[in-house]
């Protein structure tokens, strides 16, 4: 007689796709916040972000988010400018997921950047 085989338990919280459209909650900019695209990482938790309000900022990830927010080049992020030096520096407070980026483009919050890098 063969030995008893255990069945793998189903993963909790997993629901198979049903073909229905999912609802996506997207965090939109409030007040002085703006959406930006990460151009390059500078090291030490800092990065250069081209914001859609026309500024290029050196941004950092605040300490409370440092271990939970992993950002790479070409990610779209939500930036909050500093009170002093807000045109040059800011904090990254949220990273958008790919489905959220598609929604933002479809709704017109993100426009394709056609500005040359030499102008700034």
PDB file of N, CA and C in Angstrom:
ATOM      1  N   UNK A   1       0.846  -1.174   0.000  1.00  0.00           N
ATOM      2  CA  UNK A   1       0.000   0.000   0.000  1.00  0.00           C
ATOM      3  C   UNK A   1       0.898   1.246   0.000  1.00  0.00           C
ATOM      4  N   UNK A   2       0.596   2.277  -0.878  1.00  0.00           N
ATOM      5  CA  UNK A   2       1.442   3.474  -0.933  1.00  0.00           C
ATOM      6  C   UNK A   2       1.297   4.319   0.322  1.00  0.00           C
ATOM      7  N   UNK A   3       2.354   5.087   0.657  1.00  0.00           N
ATOM      8  CA  UNK A   3       2.268   5.938   1.850  1.00  0.00           C
ATOM      9  C   UNK A   3       1.245   7.051   1.660  1.00  0.00           C
ATOM     10  N   UNK A   4       0.721   7.534   2.751  1.00  0.00           N
ATOM     11  CA  UNK A   4      -0.294   8.596   2.735  1.00  0.00           C
ATOM     12  C   UNK A   4       0.340   9.911   2.298  1.00  0.00           C
ATOM     13  N   UNK A   5      -0.263  10.575   1.279  1.00  0.00           N
ATOM     14  CA  UNK A   5       0.251  11.855   0.802  1.00  0.00           C
ATOM     15  C   UNK A   5      -0.635  12.978   1.312  1.00  0.00           C
ATOM     16  N   UNK A   6       0.006  14.003   1.826  1.00  0.00           N
ATOM     17  CA  UNK A   6      -0.736  15.169   2.297  1.00  0.00           C
ATOM     18  C   UNK A   6      -1.038  16.092   1.129  1.00  0.00           C
ATOM     19  N   UNK A   7      -2.200  16.696   1.144  1.00  0.00           N
ATOM     20  CA  UNK A   7      -2.542  17.698   0.142  1.00  0.00           C
ATOM     21  C   UNK A   7      -1.996  19.042   0.591  1.00  0.00           C
ATOM     22  N   UNK A   8      -1.566  19.837  -0.390  1.00  0.00           N
ATOM     23  CA  UNK A   8      -1.088  21.174  -0.056  1.00  0.00           C
ATOM     24  C   UNK A   8      -2.270  22.043   0.343  1.00  0.00           C
ATOM     25  N   UNK A   9      -2.124  22.806   1.435  1.00  0.00           N
ATOM     26  CA  UNK A   9      -3.222  23.706   1.814  1.00  0.00           C
ATOM     27  C   UNK A   9      -3.325  24.867   0.825  1.00  0.00           C
ATOM     28  N   UNK A  10      -4.542  25.334   0.625  1.00  0.00           N
ATOM     29  CA  UNK A  10      -4.746  26.477  -0.255  1.00  0.00           C
ATOM     30  C   UNK A  10      -4.244  27.737   0.424  1.00  0.00           C
ATOM     31  N   UNK A  11      -3.708  28.659  -0.393  1.00  0.00           N
ATOM     32  CA  UNK A  11      -3.222  29.910   0.165  1.00  0.00           C
ATOM     33  C   UNK A  11      -4.390  30.752   0.638  1.00  0.00           C
ATOM     34  N   UNK A  12      -4.239  31.328   1.813  1.00  0.00           N
ATOM     35  CA  UNK A  12      -5.289  32.181   2.351  1.00  0.00           C
ATOM     36  C   UNK A  12      -5.283  33.527   1.647  1.00  0.00           C
ATOM     37  N   UNK A  13      -6.440  34.060   1.398  1.00  0.00           N
ATOM     38  CA  UNK A  13      -6.550  35.378   0.809  1.00  0.00           C
ATOM     39  C   UNK A  13      -6.460  35.376  -0.703  1.00  0.00           C
ATOM     40  N   UNK A  14      -6.241  34.208  -1.329  1.00  0.00           N
ATOM     41  CA  UNK A  14      -6.131  34.160  -2.782  1.00  0.00           C
ATOM     42  C   UNK A  14      -7.501  33.896  -3.383  1.00  0.00           C
ATOM     43  N   UNK A  15      -7.872  34.696  -4.344  1.00  0.00           N
ATOM     44  CA  UNK A  15      -9.092  34.449  -5.103  1.00  0.00           C
ATOM     45  C   UNK A  15      -8.716  34.385  -6.577  1.00  0.00           C
ATOM     46  N   UNK A  16      -9.127  33.347  -7.261  1.00  0.00           N
ATOM     47  CA  UNK A  16      -8.763  33.234  -8.666  1.00  0.00           C
ATOM     48  C   UNK A  16      -9.430  34.323  -9.499  1.00  0.00           C
ATOM     49  N   UNK A  17      -8.796  34.754 -10.597  1.00  0.00           N
ATOM     50  CA  UNK A  17      -9.390  35.801 -11.423  1.00  0.00           C
ATOM     51  C   UNK A  17     -10.698  35.340 -12.037  1.00  0.00           C
ATOM     52  N   UNK A  18     -11.673  36.233 -12.034  1.00  0.00           N
ATOM     53  CA  UNK A  18     -12.996  35.883 -12.532  1.00  0.00           C
ATOM     54  C   UNK A  18     -13.357  36.616 -13.811  1.00  0.00           C
ATOM     55  N   UNK A  19     -12.491  37.467 -14.301  1.00  0.00           N
ATOM     56  CA  UNK A  19     -12.786  38.207 -15.513  1.00  0.00           C
ATOM     57  C   UNK A  19     -13.482  39.534 -15.249  1.00  0.00           C
ATOM     58  N   UNK A  20     -13.869  39.776 -14.003  1.00  0.00           N
ATOM     59  CA  UNK A  20     -14.498  41.047 -13.666  1.00  0.00           C
ATOM     60  C   UNK A  20     -13.418  42.078 -13.398  1.00  0.00           C
ATOM     61  N   UNK A  21     -13.751  43.331 -13.668  1.00  0.00           N
ATOM     62  CA  UNK A  21     -12.802  44.409 -13.448  1.00  0.00           C
ATOM     63  C   UNK A  21     -12.687  44.704 -11.955  1.00  0.00           C
ATOM     64  N   UNK A  22     -11.441  44.860 -11.482  1.00  0.00           N
ATOM     65  CA  UNK A  22     -11.217  45.166 -10.078  1.00  0.00           C
ATOM     66  C   UNK A  22     -11.301  46.669  -9.845  1.00  0.00           C
ATOM     67  N   UNK A  23     -11.673  47.037  -8.639  1.00  0.00           N
ATOM     68  CA  UNK A  23     -11.672  48.436  -8.261  1.00  0.00           C
ATOM     69  C   UNK A  23     -10.276  48.786  -7.770  1.00  0.00           C
ATOM     70  N   UNK A  24      -9.742  49.887  -8.270  1.00  0.00           N
ATOM     71  CA  UNK A  24      -8.394  50.301  -7.909  1.00  0.00           C
ATOM     72  C   UNK A  24      -8.489  51.612  -7.141  1.00  0.00           C
ATOM     73  N   UNK A  25      -7.942  51.627  -5.946  1.00  0.00           N
ATOM     74  CA  UNK A  25      -7.862  52.865  -5.180  1.00  0.00           C
ATOM     75  C   UNK A  25      -6.505  53.485  -5.447  1.00  0.00           C
ATOM     76  N   UNK A  26      -6.531  54.732  -5.885  1.00  0.00           N
ATOM     77  CA  UNK A  26      -5.297  55.411  -6.235  1.00  0.00           C
ATOM     78  C   UNK A  26      -5.175  56.661  -5.389  1.00  0.00           C
ATOM     79  N   UNK A  27      -4.009  56.839  -4.779  1.00  0.00           N
ATOM     80  CA  UNK A  27      -3.746  58.016  -3.970  1.00  0.00           C
ATOM     81  C   UNK A  27      -3.399  59.173  -4.902  1.00  0.00           C
ATOM     82  N   UNK A  28      -4.178  60.225  -4.875  1.00  0.00           N
ATOM     83  CA  UNK A  28      -3.967  61.391  -5.732  1.00  0.00           C
ATOM     84  C   UNK A  28      -3.252  62.489  -4.957  1.00  0.00           C
ATOM     85  N   UNK A  29      -2.540  63.385  -5.652  1.00  0.00           N
ATOM     86  CA  UNK A  29      -1.833  64.467  -4.962  1.00  0.00           C
ATOM     87  C   UNK A  29      -2.784  65.453  -4.303  1.00  0.00           C
ATOM     88  N   UNK A  30      -2.419  65.889  -3.108  1.00  0.00           N
ATOM     89  CA  UNK A  30      -3.194  66.899  -2.376  1.00  0.00           C
ATOM     90  C   UNK A  30      -2.292  68.078  -2.064  1.00  0.00           C
ATOM     91  N   UNK A  31      -2.837  69.263  -2.131  1.00  0.00           N
ATOM     92  CA  UNK A  31      -2.074  70.456  -1.776  1.00  0.00           C
ATOM     93  C   UNK A  31      -0.872  70.659  -2.678  1.00  0.00           C
ATOM     94  N   UNK A  32       0.325  70.669  -2.082  1.00  0.00           N
ATOM     95  CA  UNK A  32       1.556  70.911  -2.836  1.00  0.00           C
ATOM     96  C   UNK A  32       2.187  69.627  -3.377  1.00  0.00           C
ATOM     97  N   UNK A  33       1.615  68.478  -3.097  1.00  0.00           N
ATOM     98  CA  UNK A  33       2.168  67.217  -3.565  1.00  0.00           C
ATOM     99  C   UNK A  33       2.077  67.125  -5.083  1.00  0.00           C
ATOM    100  N   UNK A  34       2.986  66.349  -5.678  1.00  0.00           N
ATOM    101  CA  UNK A  34       2.939  66.146  -7.128  1.00  0.00           C
ATOM    102  C   UNK A  34       3.427  64.746  -7.460  1.00  0.00           C
ATOM    103  N   UNK A  35       3.038  64.277  -8.635  1.00  0.00           N
ATOM    104  CA  UNK A  35       3.457  62.969  -9.126  1.00  0.00           C
ATOM    105  C   UNK A  35       4.751  63.158  -9.897  1.00  0.00           C
ATOM    106  N   UNK A  36       5.670  62.221  -9.769  1.00  0.00           N
ATOM    107  CA  UNK A  36       6.941  62.311 -10.475  1.00  0.00           C
ATOM    108  C   UNK A  36       7.444  60.944 -10.890  1.00  0.00           C
ATOM    109  N   UNK A  37       8.461  60.949 -11.744  1.00  0.00           N
ATOM    110  CA  UNK A  37       9.079  59.721 -12.231  1.00  0.00           C
ATOM    111  C   UNK A  37      10.538  59.719 -11.783  1.00  0.00           C
ATOM    112  N   UNK A  38      10.990  58.609 -11.216  1.00  0.00           N
ATOM    113  CA  UNK A  38      12.346  58.500 -10.702  1.00  0.00           C
ATOM    114  C   UNK A  38      13.307  58.426 -11.885  1.00  0.00           C
ATOM    115  N   UNK A  39      14.223  59.384 -11.973  1.00  0.00           N
ATOM    116  CA  UNK A  39      15.221  59.394 -13.051  1.00  0.00           C
ATOM    117  C   UNK A  39      16.411  58.527 -12.705  1.00  0.00           C
ATOM    118  N   UNK A  40      16.972  58.737 -11.503  1.00  0.00           N
ATOM    119  CA  UNK A  40      18.138  57.964 -11.105  1.00  0.00           C
ATOM    120  C   UNK A  40      18.215  57.913  -9.585  1.00  0.00           C
ATOM    121  N   UNK A  41      18.858  56.860  -9.094  1.00  0.00           N
ATOM    122  CA  UNK A  41      19.084  56.731  -7.665  1.00  0.00           C
ATOM    123  C   UNK A  41      20.478  57.247  -7.362  1.00  0.00           C
ATOM    124  N   UNK A  42      20.586  58.040  -6.301  1.00  0.00           N
ATOM    125  CA  UNK A  42      21.841  58.708  -5.986  1.00  0.00           C
ATOM    126  C   UNK A  42      22.596  58.040  -4.847  1.00  0.00           C
ATOM    127  N   UNK A  43      21.969  57.123  -4.150  1.00  0.00           N
ATOM    128  CA  UNK A  43      22.616  56.458  -3.019  1.00  0.00           C
ATOM    129  C   UNK A  43      22.240  57.127  -1.714  1.00  0.00           C
ATOM    130  N   UNK A  44      22.329  56.394  -0.652  1.00  0.00           N
ATOM    131  CA  UNK A  44      22.005  56.930   0.662  1.00  0.00           C
ATOM    132  C   UNK A  44      20.523  57.209   0.838  1.00  0.00           C
ATOM    133  N   UNK A  45      19.668  56.467   0.134  1.00  0.00           N
ATOM    134  CA  UNK A  45      18.225  56.674   0.246  1.00  0.00           C
ATOM    135  C   UNK A  45      17.719  57.885  -0.504  1.00  0.00           C
ATOM    136  N   UNK A  46      18.537  58.432  -1.391  1.00  0.00           N
ATOM    137  CA  UNK A  46      18.136  59.617  -2.166  1.00  0.00           C
ATOM    138  C   UNK A  46      18.002  59.251  -3.636  1.00  0.00           C
ATOM    139  N   UNK A  47      17.207  60.037  -4.344  1.00  0.00           N
ATOM    140  CA  UNK A  47      16.997  59.821  -5.769  1.00  0.00           C
ATOM    141  C   UNK A  47      16.624  61.122  -6.448  1.00  0.00           C
ATOM    142  N   UNK A  48      16.862  61.188  -7.747  1.00  0.00           N
ATOM    143  CA  UNK A  48      16.483  62.356  -8.537  1.00  0.00           C
ATOM    144  C   UNK A  48      15.142  62.039  -9.198  1.00  0.00           C
ATOM    145  N   UNK A  49      14.144  62.910  -8.945  1.00  0.00           N
ATOM    146  CA  UNK A  49      12.779  62.694  -9.436  1.00  0.00           C
ATOM    147  C   UNK A  49      12.368  63.875 -10.303  1.00  0.00           C
ATOM    148  N   UNK A  50      11.873  63.569 -11.509  1.00  0.00           N
ATOM    149  CA  UNK A  50      11.325  64.608 -12.382  1.00  0.00           C
ATOM    150  C   UNK A  50       9.820  64.674 -12.123  1.00  0.00           C
ATOM    151  N   UNK A  51       9.378  65.756 -11.502  1.00  0.00           N
ATOM    152  CA  UNK A  51       7.976  65.921 -11.136  1.00  0.00           C
ATOM    153  C   UNK A  51       7.197  66.528 -12.294  1.00  0.00           C
ATOM    154  N   UNK A  52       5.893  66.280 -12.320  1.00  0.00           N
ATOM    155  CA  UNK A  52       5.055  66.778 -13.397  1.00  0.00           C
ATOM    156  C   UNK A  52       4.630  68.223 -13.190  1.00  0.00           C
ATOM    157  N   UNK A  53       5.118  68.875 -12.114  1.00  0.00           N
ATOM    158  CA  UNK A  53       4.883  70.309 -11.960  1.00  0.00           C
ATOM    159  C   UNK A  53       6.039  71.119 -12.559  1.00  0.00           C
ATOM    160  N   UNK A  54       6.988  70.436 -13.241  1.00  0.00           N
ATOM    161  CA  UNK A  54       8.052  71.118 -13.957  1.00  0.00           C
ATOM    162  C   UNK A  54       9.376  71.198 -13.221  1.00  0.00           C
ATOM    163  N   UNK A  55       9.472  70.649 -12.021  1.00  0.00           N
ATOM    164  CA  UNK A  55      10.703  70.718 -11.240  1.00  0.00           C
ATOM    165  C   UNK A  55      11.377  69.349 -11.205  1.00  0.00           C
ATOM    166  N   UNK A  56      12.701  69.365 -11.109  1.00  0.00           N
ATOM    167  CA  UNK A  56      13.468  68.154 -10.857  1.00  0.00           C
ATOM    168  C   UNK A  56      14.001  68.264  -9.444  1.00  0.00           C
ATOM    169  N   UNK A  57      13.625  67.307  -8.595  1.00  0.00           N
ATOM    170  CA  UNK A  57      13.966  67.379  -7.171  1.00  0.00           C
ATOM    171  C   UNK A  57      14.860  66.217  -6.762  1.00  0.00           C
ATOM    172  N   UNK A  58      15.705  66.469  -5.782  1.00  0.00           N
ATOM    173  CA  UNK A  58      16.438  65.404  -5.113  1.00  0.00           C
ATOM    174  C   UNK A  58      15.577  65.009  -3.926  1.00  0.00           C
ATOM    175  N   UNK A  59      15.063  63.786  -3.965  1.00  0.00           N
ATOM    176  CA  UNK A  59      14.110  63.345  -2.940  1.00  0.00           C
ATOM    177  C   UNK A  59      14.725  62.243  -2.090  1.00  0.00           C
ATOM    178  N   UNK A  60      14.200  62.130  -0.896  1.00  0.00           N
ATOM    179  CA  UNK A  60      14.627  61.068   0.006  1.00  0.00           C
ATOM    180  C   UNK A  60      13.402  60.312   0.473  1.00  0.00           C
ATOM    181  N   UNK A  61      13.635  59.110   0.981  1.00  0.00           N
ATOM    182  CA  UNK A  61      12.562  58.318   1.566  1.00  0.00           C
ATOM    183  C   UNK A  61      12.627  58.551   3.067  1.00  0.00           C
ATOM    184  N   UNK A  62      11.541  59.038   3.693  1.00  0.00           N
ATOM    185  CA  UNK A  62      11.567  59.284   5.135  1.00  0.00           C
ATOM    186  C   UNK A  62      11.829  58.003   5.929  1.00  0.00           C
ATOM    187  N   UNK A  63      12.340  58.146   7.138  1.00  0.00           N
ATOM    188  CA  UNK A  63      12.714  57.010   7.966  1.00  0.00           C
ATOM    189  C   UNK A  63      11.589  56.029   8.235  1.00  0.00           C
ATOM    190  N   UNK A  64      10.359  56.512   8.380  1.00  0.00           N
ATOM    191  CA  UNK A  64       9.240  55.617   8.691  1.00  0.00           C
ATOM    192  C   UNK A  64       8.891  54.714   7.514  1.00  0.00           C
ATOM    193  N   UNK A  65       9.302  55.099   6.287  1.00  0.00           N
ATOM    194  CA  UNK A  65       9.005  54.305   5.093  1.00  0.00           C
ATOM    195  C   UNK A  65      10.239  53.614   4.520  1.00  0.00           C
ATOM    196  N   UNK A  66      11.392  53.831   5.110  1.00  0.00           N
ATOM    197  CA  UNK A  66      12.653  53.402   4.495  1.00  0.00           C
ATOM    198  C   UNK A  66      12.712  51.903   4.233  1.00  0.00           C
ATOM    199  N   UNK A  67      12.213  51.079   5.132  1.00  0.00           N
ATOM    200  CA  UNK A  67      12.304  49.634   4.953  1.00  0.00           C
ATOM    201  C   UNK A  67      11.101  49.055   4.214  1.00  0.00           C
ATOM    202  N   UNK A  68      10.034  49.811   4.081  1.00  0.00           N
ATOM    203  CA  UNK A  68       8.832  49.277   3.443  1.00  0.00           C
ATOM    204  C   UNK A  68       8.609  49.789   2.029  1.00  0.00           C
ATOM    205  N   UNK A  69       9.367  50.781   1.596  1.00  0.00           N
ATOM    206  CA  UNK A  69       9.171  51.386   0.282  1.00  0.00           C
ATOM    207  C   UNK A  69      10.429  51.177  -0.557  1.00  0.00           C
ATOM    208  N   UNK A  70      10.337  50.290  -1.547  1.00  0.00           N
ATOM    209  CA  UNK A  70      11.467  49.979  -2.415  1.00  0.00           C
ATOM    210  C   UNK A  70      11.229  50.626  -3.761  1.00  0.00           C
ATOM    211  N   UNK A  71      12.119  51.557  -4.135  1.00  0.00           N
ATOM    212  CA  UNK A  71      11.929  52.347  -5.346  1.00  0.00           C
ATOM    213  C   UNK A  71      13.082  52.081  -6.307  1.00  0.00           C
ATOM    214  N   UNK A  72      12.750  51.933  -7.572  1.00  0.00           N
ATOM    215  CA  UNK A  72      13.730  51.729  -8.640  1.00  0.00           C
ATOM    216  C   UNK A  72      13.614  52.849  -9.665  1.00  0.00           C
ATOM    217  N   UNK A  73      14.527  52.859 -10.639  1.00  0.00           N
ATOM    218  CA  UNK A  73      14.451  53.831 -11.723  1.00  0.00           C
ATOM    219  C   UNK A  73      13.154  53.627 -12.507  1.00  0.00           C
ATOM    220  N   UNK A  74      12.613  54.711 -13.022  1.00  0.00           N
ATOM    221  CA  UNK A  74      11.397  54.743 -13.847  1.00  0.00           C
ATOM    222  C   UNK A  74      10.125  54.385 -13.090  1.00  0.00           C
ATOM    223  N   UNK A  75      10.159  54.322 -11.759  1.00  0.00           N
ATOM    224  CA  UNK A  75       8.930  54.158 -10.977  1.00  0.00           C
ATOM    225  C   UNK A  75       8.234  55.500 -10.864  1.00  0.00           C
ATOM    226  N   UNK A  76       6.915  55.474 -10.791  1.00  0.00           N
ATOM    227  CA  UNK A  76       6.142  56.688 -10.553  1.00  0.00           C
ATOM    228  C   UNK A  76       5.877  56.786  -9.061  1.00  0.00           C
ATOM    229  N   UNK A  77       6.135  57.975  -8.499  1.00  0.00           N
ATOM    230  CA  UNK A  77       6.028  58.179  -7.058  1.00  0.00           C
ATOM    231  C   UNK A  77       5.259  59.470  -6.773  1.00  0.00           C
ATOM    232  N   UNK A  78       4.767  59.569  -5.549  1.00  0.00           N
ATOM    233  CA  UNK A  78       4.113  60.779  -5.067  1.00  0.00           C
ATOM    234  C   UNK A  78       5.124  61.526  -4.203  1.00  0.00           C
ATOM    235  N   UNK A  79       5.385  62.785  -4.562  1.00  0.00           N
ATOM    236  CA  UNK A  79       6.428  63.576  -3.908  1.00  0.00           C
ATOM    237  C   UNK A  79       5.795  64.731  -3.147  1.00  0.00           C
ATOM    238  N   UNK A  80       6.265  64.924  -1.919  1.00  0.00           N
ATOM    239  CA  UNK A  80       5.849  66.077  -1.133  1.00  0.00           C
ATOM    240  C   UNK A  80       7.047  67.004  -0.961  1.00  0.00           C
ATOM    241  N   UNK A  81       7.011  68.209  -1.567  1.00  0.00           N
ATOM    242  CA  UNK A  81       8.156  69.129  -1.465  1.00  0.00           C
ATOM    243  C   UNK A  81       8.368  69.604  -0.031  1.00  0.00           C
ATOM    244  N   UNK A  82       9.609  69.925   0.277  1.00  0.00           N
ATOM    245  CA  UNK A  82       9.924  70.473   1.593  1.00  0.00           C
ATOM    246  C   UNK A  82       9.414  71.896   1.691  1.00  0.00           C
ATOM    247  N   UNK A  83       9.201  72.351   2.939  1.00  0.00           N
ATOM    248  CA  UNK A  83       8.765  73.732   3.147  1.00  0.00           C
ATOM    249  C   UNK A  83       9.850  74.708   2.729  1.00  0.00           C
ATOM    250  N   UNK A  84      11.107  74.385   3.070  1.00  0.00           N
ATOM    251  CA  UNK A  84      12.229  75.225   2.685  1.00  0.00           C
ATOM    252  C   UNK A  84      13.003  74.500   1.582  1.00  0.00           C
ATOM    253  N   UNK A  85      13.199  75.158   0.456  1.00  0.00           N
ATOM    254  CA  UNK A  85      13.878  74.521  -0.669  1.00  0.00           C
ATOM    255  C   UNK A  85      12.987  73.539  -1.389  1.00  0.00           C
ATOM    256  N   UNK A  86      11.699  73.821  -1.454  1.00  0.00           N
ATOM    257  CA  UNK A  86      10.729  72.908  -2.040  1.00  0.00           C
ATOM    258  C   UNK A  86      10.884  72.688  -3.528  1.00  0.00           C
ATOM    259  N   UNK A  87      11.539  73.642  -4.233  1.00  0.00           N
ATOM    260  CA  UNK A  87      11.744  73.453  -5.663  1.00  0.00           C
ATOM    261  C   UNK A  87      12.905  72.513  -5.947  1.00  0.00           C
ATOM    262  N   UNK A  88      13.774  72.284  -4.954  1.00  0.00           N
ATOM    263  CA  UNK A  88      14.944  71.446  -5.168  1.00  0.00           C
ATOM    264  C   UNK A  88      14.902  70.129  -4.395  1.00  0.00           C
ATOM    265  N   UNK A  89      14.158  70.068  -3.292  1.00  0.00           N
ATOM    266  CA  UNK A  89      14.169  68.879  -2.438  1.00  0.00           C
ATOM    267  C   UNK A  89      12.755  68.468  -2.062  1.00  0.00           C
ATOM    268  N   UNK A  90      12.603  67.168  -1.738  1.00  0.00           N
ATOM    269  CA  UNK A  90      11.291  66.673  -1.341  1.00  0.00           C
ATOM    270  C   UNK A  90      11.392  65.279  -0.743  1.00  0.00           C
ATOM    271  N   UNK A  91      10.242  64.763  -0.306  1.00  0.00           N
ATOM    272  CA  UNK A  91      10.139  63.430   0.276  1.00  0.00           C
ATOM    273  C   UNK A  91       9.257  62.569  -0.618  1.00  0.00           C
ATOM    274  N   UNK A  92       9.652  61.312  -0.804  1.00  0.00           N
ATOM    275  CA  UNK A  92       8.821  60.343  -1.512  1.00  0.00           C
ATOM    276  C   UNK A  92       7.905  59.720  -0.474  1.00  0.00           C
ATOM    277  N   UNK A  93       6.596  59.849  -0.669  1.00  0.00           N
ATOM    278  CA  UNK A  93       5.663  59.341   0.336  1.00  0.00           C
ATOM    279  C   UNK A  93       4.836  58.161  -0.151  1.00  0.00           C
ATOM    280  N   UNK A  94       4.880  57.861  -1.478  1.00  0.00           N
ATOM    281  CA  UNK A  94       4.085  56.746  -1.992  1.00  0.00           C
ATOM    282  C   UNK A  94       4.643  56.305  -3.334  1.00  0.00           C
ATOM    283  N   UNK A  95       4.619  55.001  -3.594  1.00  0.00           N
ATOM    284  CA  UNK A  95       5.028  54.466  -4.890  1.00  0.00           C
ATOM    285  C   UNK A  95       3.803  53.845  -5.552  1.00  0.00           C
ATOM    286  N   UNK A  96       3.564  54.228  -6.812  1.00  0.00           N
ATOM    287  CA  UNK A  96       2.413  53.712  -7.540  1.00  0.00           C
ATOM    288  C   UNK A  96       2.734  52.352  -8.142  1.00  0.00           C
ATOM    289  N   UNK A  97       1.759  51.434  -8.096  1.00  0.00           N
ATOM    290  CA  UNK A  97       1.894  50.121  -8.716  1.00  0.00           C
ATOM    291  C   UNK A  97       1.547  50.230 -10.197  1.00  0.00           C
ATOM    292  N   UNK A  98       1.939  49.242 -11.020  1.00  0.00           N
ATOM    293  CA  UNK A  98       1.693  49.339 -12.464  1.00  0.00           C
ATOM    294  C   UNK A  98       0.224  49.523 -12.848  1.00  0.00           C
ATOM    295  N   UNK A  99      -0.698  48.862 -12.165  1.00  0.00           N
ATOM    296  CA  UNK A  99      -2.120  49.029 -12.477  1.00  0.00           C
ATOM    297  C   UNK A  99      -2.587  50.448 -12.139  1.00  0.00           C
ATOM    298  N   UNK A 100      -2.035  51.023 -11.085  1.00  0.00           N
ATOM    299  CA  UNK A 100      -2.385  52.388 -10.717  1.00  0.00           C
ATOM    300  C   UNK A 100      -1.839  53.386 -11.728  1.00  0.00           C
ATOM    301  N   UNK A 101      -0.644  53.108 -12.281  1.00  0.00           N
ATOM    302  CA  UNK A 101      -0.057  53.989 -13.290  1.00  0.00           C
ATOM    303  C   UNK A 101      -0.918  53.989 -14.548  1.00  0.00           C
ATOM    304  N   UNK A 102      -1.416  52.822 -14.944  1.00  0.00           N
ATOM    305  CA  UNK A 102      -2.300  52.737 -16.110  1.00  0.00           C
ATOM    306  C   UNK A 102      -3.553  53.559 -15.876  1.00  0.00           C
ATOM    307  N   UNK A 103      -4.125  53.473 -14.672  1.00  0.00           N
ATOM    308  CA  UNK A 103      -5.332  54.239 -14.345  1.00  0.00           C
ATOM    309  C   UNK A 103      -5.055  55.738 -14.377  1.00  0.00           C
ATOM    310  N   UNK A 104      -3.904  56.160 -13.814  1.00  0.00           N
ATOM    311  CA  UNK A 104      -3.546  57.582 -13.806  1.00  0.00           C
ATOM    312  C   UNK A 104      -3.347  58.113 -15.225  1.00  0.00           C
ATOM    313  N   UNK A 105      -2.741  57.310 -16.113  1.00  0.00           N
ATOM    314  CA  UNK A 105      -2.566  57.736 -17.502  1.00  0.00           C
ATOM    315  C   UNK A 105      -3.908  57.847 -18.215  1.00  0.00           C
ATOM    316  N   UNK A 106      -4.785  56.891 -17.955  1.00  0.00           N
ATOM    317  CA  UNK A 106      -6.099  56.885 -18.604  1.00  0.00           C
ATOM    318  C   UNK A 106      -6.940  58.074 -18.159  1.00  0.00           C
ATOM    319  N   UNK A 107      -6.814  58.471 -16.903  1.00  0.00           N
ATOM    320  CA  UNK A 107      -7.588  59.601 -16.379  1.00  0.00           C
ATOM    321  C   UNK A 107      -6.930  60.945 -16.635  1.00  0.00           C
ATOM    322  N   UNK A 108      -5.693  60.959 -17.152  1.00  0.00           N
ATOM    323  CA  UNK A 108      -5.032  62.205 -17.517  1.00  0.00           C
ATOM    324  C   UNK A 108      -4.205  62.848 -16.422  1.00  0.00           C
ATOM    325  N   UNK A 109      -3.951  62.148 -15.327  1.00  0.00           N
ATOM    326  CA  UNK A 109      -3.113  62.709 -14.256  1.00  0.00           C
ATOM    327  C   UNK A 109      -1.635  62.631 -14.614  1.00  0.00           C
ATOM    328  N   UNK A 110      -1.250  61.642 -15.442  1.00  0.00           N
ATOM    329  CA  UNK A 110       0.127  61.486 -15.898  1.00  0.00           C
ATOM    330  C   UNK A 110       0.135  61.716 -17.398  1.00  0.00           C
ATOM    331  N   UNK A 111       0.954  62.649 -17.819  1.00  0.00           N
ATOM    332  CA  UNK A 111       1.092  62.924 -19.244  1.00  0.00           C
ATOM    333  C   UNK A 111       2.466  62.461 -19.695  1.00  0.00           C
ATOM    334  N   UNK A 112       2.590  62.096 -20.946  1.00  0.00           N
ATOM    335  CA  UNK A 112       3.890  61.680 -21.474  1.00  0.00           C
ATOM    336  C   UNK A 112       4.827  62.883 -21.492  1.00  0.00           C
ATOM    337  N   UNK A 113       6.038  62.694 -21.015  1.00  0.00           N
ATOM    338  CA  UNK A 113       7.013  63.776 -20.943  1.00  0.00           C
ATOM    339  C   UNK A 113       7.723  63.869 -22.285  1.00  0.00           C
ATOM    340  N   UNK A 114       7.627  65.054 -22.923  1.00  0.00           N
ATOM    341  CA  UNK A 114       8.289  65.246 -24.212  1.00  0.00           C
ATOM    342  C   UNK A 114       9.370  66.314 -24.109  1.00  0.00           C
ATOM    343  N   UNK A 115       9.733  66.708 -22.893  1.00  0.00           N
ATOM    344  CA  UNK A 115      10.731  67.747 -22.668  1.00  0.00           C
ATOM    345  C   UNK A 115      12.120  67.123 -22.705  1.00  0.00           C
ATOM    346  N   UNK A 116      13.057  67.771 -23.390  1.00  0.00           N
ATOM    347  CA  UNK A 116      14.430  67.270 -23.430  1.00  0.00           C
ATOM    348  C   UNK A 116      15.092  67.478 -22.072  1.00  0.00           C
ATOM    349  N   UNK A 117      16.032  66.615 -21.754  1.00  0.00           N
ATOM    350  CA  UNK A 117      16.743  66.731 -20.487  1.00  0.00           C
ATOM    351  C   UNK A 117      17.691  67.918 -20.463  1.00  0.00           C
ATOM    352  N   UNK A 118      18.130  68.411 -21.661  1.00  0.00           N
ATOM    353  CA  UNK A 118      19.071  69.515 -21.706  1.00  0.00           C
ATOM    354  C   UNK A 118      18.454  70.839 -21.300  1.00  0.00           C
ATOM    355  N   UNK A 119      17.119  70.952 -21.329  1.00  0.00           N
ATOM    356  CA  UNK A 119      16.473  72.209 -21.016  1.00  0.00           C
ATOM    357  C   UNK A 119      16.542  72.536 -19.537  1.00  0.00           C
ATOM    358  N   UNK A 120      16.625  71.526 -18.681  1.00  0.00           N
ATOM    359  CA  UNK A 120      16.627  71.769 -17.240  1.00  0.00           C
ATOM    360  C   UNK A 120      18.017  71.855 -16.720  1.00  0.00           C
TER     361      UNK A 120
END
